[in-house]
Every structure is written in C-alpha cells, then in structure tokens.
Protein backbone atom coordinates (compact mmCIF):
# COMPACT_ATOMS: atom_id res chain seq x y z
CA MET A 1 -73.17 180.29 83.42
CA ALA A 2 -71.01 179.05 86.28
CA ASN A 3 -73.19 175.93 86.59
CA ALA A 4 -72.80 175.23 82.88
CA ASP A 5 -69.01 175.64 83.09
CA ALA A 6 -68.91 173.29 86.09
CA GLN A 7 -71.02 170.74 84.25
CA VAL A 8 -68.72 170.93 81.22
CA ALA A 9 -65.70 170.38 83.45
CA THR A 10 -67.37 167.46 85.22
CA THR A 11 -68.39 165.85 81.95
CA ALA A 12 -64.93 166.35 80.46
CA SER A 13 -63.37 164.68 83.52
CA LEU A 14 -65.49 161.56 82.88
CA ILE A 15 -64.21 161.05 79.34
CA PRO A 16 -61.06 159.06 80.29
CA PHE A 17 -63.15 156.70 82.43
CA LEU A 18 -65.69 156.19 79.65
CA GLU A 19 -62.93 155.54 77.13
CA ALA A 20 -61.32 153.00 79.47
CA ALA A 21 -64.67 151.25 79.98
CA ALA A 22 -65.24 151.12 76.21
CA ARG A 23 -61.76 149.64 75.67
CA GLN A 24 -62.42 147.02 78.37
CA SER A 25 -65.67 146.07 76.64
CA ILE A 26 -63.86 145.77 73.30
CA TYR A 27 -61.23 143.54 74.90
CA ALA A 28 -63.93 141.37 76.46
CA LEU A 29 -65.66 141.01 73.08
CA GLY A 30 -62.35 139.99 71.51
CA ILE A 31 -61.88 137.30 74.14
CA LEU A 32 -65.48 136.07 73.74
CA LEU A 33 -64.90 135.80 69.99
CA GLY A 34 -61.75 133.75 70.56
CA GLN A 35 -59.42 136.46 69.28
CA GLU A 36 -56.60 138.42 70.83
CA PRO A 37 -58.06 140.99 73.22
CA ALA A 38 -56.84 143.94 71.13
CA ALA A 39 -57.93 142.44 67.78
CA LEU A 40 -61.15 144.47 67.61
CA VAL A 41 -59.80 147.78 68.92
CA ALA A 42 -59.17 149.31 65.49
CA GLU A 43 -62.53 148.19 64.12
CA LEU A 44 -64.67 149.21 67.10
CA SER A 45 -62.78 152.39 68.01
CA ARG A 46 -63.36 154.14 64.72
CA GLN A 47 -64.34 157.70 65.36
CA PRO A 48 -67.27 159.19 63.49
CA PRO A 49 -66.33 161.98 61.09
CA SER A 50 -65.46 165.07 63.08
CA ARG A 51 -67.99 167.81 63.22
CA PRO A 52 -67.82 171.29 64.69
CA HIS A 53 -68.59 171.81 68.32
CA PRO A 54 -72.27 172.71 68.72
CA PHE A 55 -71.49 176.05 70.37
CA SER A 56 -68.56 177.09 68.17
CA ALA A 57 -70.78 178.78 65.56
CA GLY A 58 -72.04 181.34 68.06
CA ARG A 59 -74.47 181.64 70.89
CA THR A 60 -78.08 180.59 70.62
CA ALA A 61 -80.99 181.82 72.66
CA LEU A 62 -81.59 179.97 75.90
CA GLY A 63 -84.14 177.24 75.50
CA SER A 64 -83.45 176.85 71.81
CA ALA A 65 -83.32 173.26 70.62
CA ALA A 66 -81.32 174.16 67.50
CA PRO A 67 -77.89 172.98 68.75
CA ALA A 68 -79.33 169.74 70.08
CA ALA A 69 -81.19 169.11 66.85
CA ARG A 70 -78.08 169.66 64.74
CA HIS A 71 -75.70 167.71 66.97
CA PRO A 72 -77.08 164.89 69.10
CA PRO A 73 -75.50 164.76 72.54
CA ALA A 74 -72.42 162.61 72.98
CA GLU A 75 -74.19 160.77 75.79
CA ALA A 76 -76.77 159.43 73.34
CA GLU A 77 -73.97 158.16 71.10
CA ILE A 78 -72.36 156.41 74.06
CA HIS A 79 -75.68 154.78 74.98
CA ALA A 80 -76.16 153.62 71.40
CA ALA A 81 -72.65 152.18 71.23
CA THR A 82 -73.13 150.43 74.56
CA ALA A 83 -76.41 148.96 73.34
CA ARG A 84 -74.74 147.68 70.16
CA ILE A 85 -72.02 146.03 72.27
CA GLY A 86 -74.69 144.43 74.46
CA VAL A 87 -76.55 143.09 71.44
CA ALA A 88 -73.33 141.72 69.95
CA THR A 89 -72.49 140.06 73.26
CA ALA A 90 -75.96 138.53 73.54
CA ASP A 91 -75.68 137.18 70.00
CA LEU A 92 -72.66 135.14 71.11
CA PHE A 93 -74.84 132.97 73.32
CA PRO A 94 -77.33 130.37 72.13
CA ASN A 95 -80.91 131.53 71.87
CA SER A 96 -82.92 128.55 72.95
CA ARG A 97 -86.47 128.36 74.16
CA PHE A 98 -88.05 125.45 75.91
CA PRO A 99 -91.74 124.75 75.54
CA VAL A 100 -93.61 124.74 78.84
CA ARG A 101 -96.96 123.13 79.18
CA ARG A 102 -99.69 125.30 80.65
CA GLU A 103 -100.12 123.03 83.68
CA CYS A 104 -96.44 123.42 84.54
CA ALA A 105 -96.55 127.17 84.04
CA ARG A 106 -99.55 127.44 86.37
CA ALA A 107 -97.87 125.28 89.00
CA ILE A 108 -94.73 127.43 88.87
CA SER A 109 -96.56 130.75 89.10
CA ALA A 110 -99.14 129.62 91.70
CA PRO A 111 -98.61 131.20 95.14
CA GLY A 112 -97.07 129.09 97.85
C-alpha cells in the first residue's frame, strides 16, 4: 500500500509539468497556424466531462481489471492527445513524394 501511495504522489507531482508541456504544444500549434499563441488554448484545453475517481466507489479485489475497464488511465488519454497534436502538426507540412527509379534506389542502398 505504501508503494501505491508513493506512486500516486509521484504521478500527482508530474501533473503541473504535463500541463505546462501541453500548453507549450498548444502555443506552438497556434504559431504554426499563423495565429496568436494563445488563440487555440480554449479550444484544445477543453476538459472531458468529469467522471468519478475510479477508486471512489469502494475497493476492488487486487488484480481486478474492473476499474481500468470502466475508467481508462489518464496516461492513455495524454498519449492520445499527444498523438493528435503530432498528427495535426504533421498535416501542416506538405506531403510530397518523389518517384525514384529502381536503378537509383539500388545505387543508394548498395554497400560502400
């Protein structure tokens, strides 16, 4: 139980840093879109509807996947949001492909 409490405290201490990193990413997207840095903060900082804490309803047996199945971990949500930001950033750049003839490709990949 002490390890779990320590992990909760450690995770909680990371939240301000993660929020700051998310805000920096939002500002960077605003600049890349030619807008004021804070123009997208309201749109991209919307919080999902609040839901009860997974452990507030009572204790579950150790090893039970019920809380995780009902409430996906916050870390997964952060990864998903980061991936969406990465995709949006990539979409800002041109997607161009250049045809390469097979002879050129072989010459490039041939060892020394």
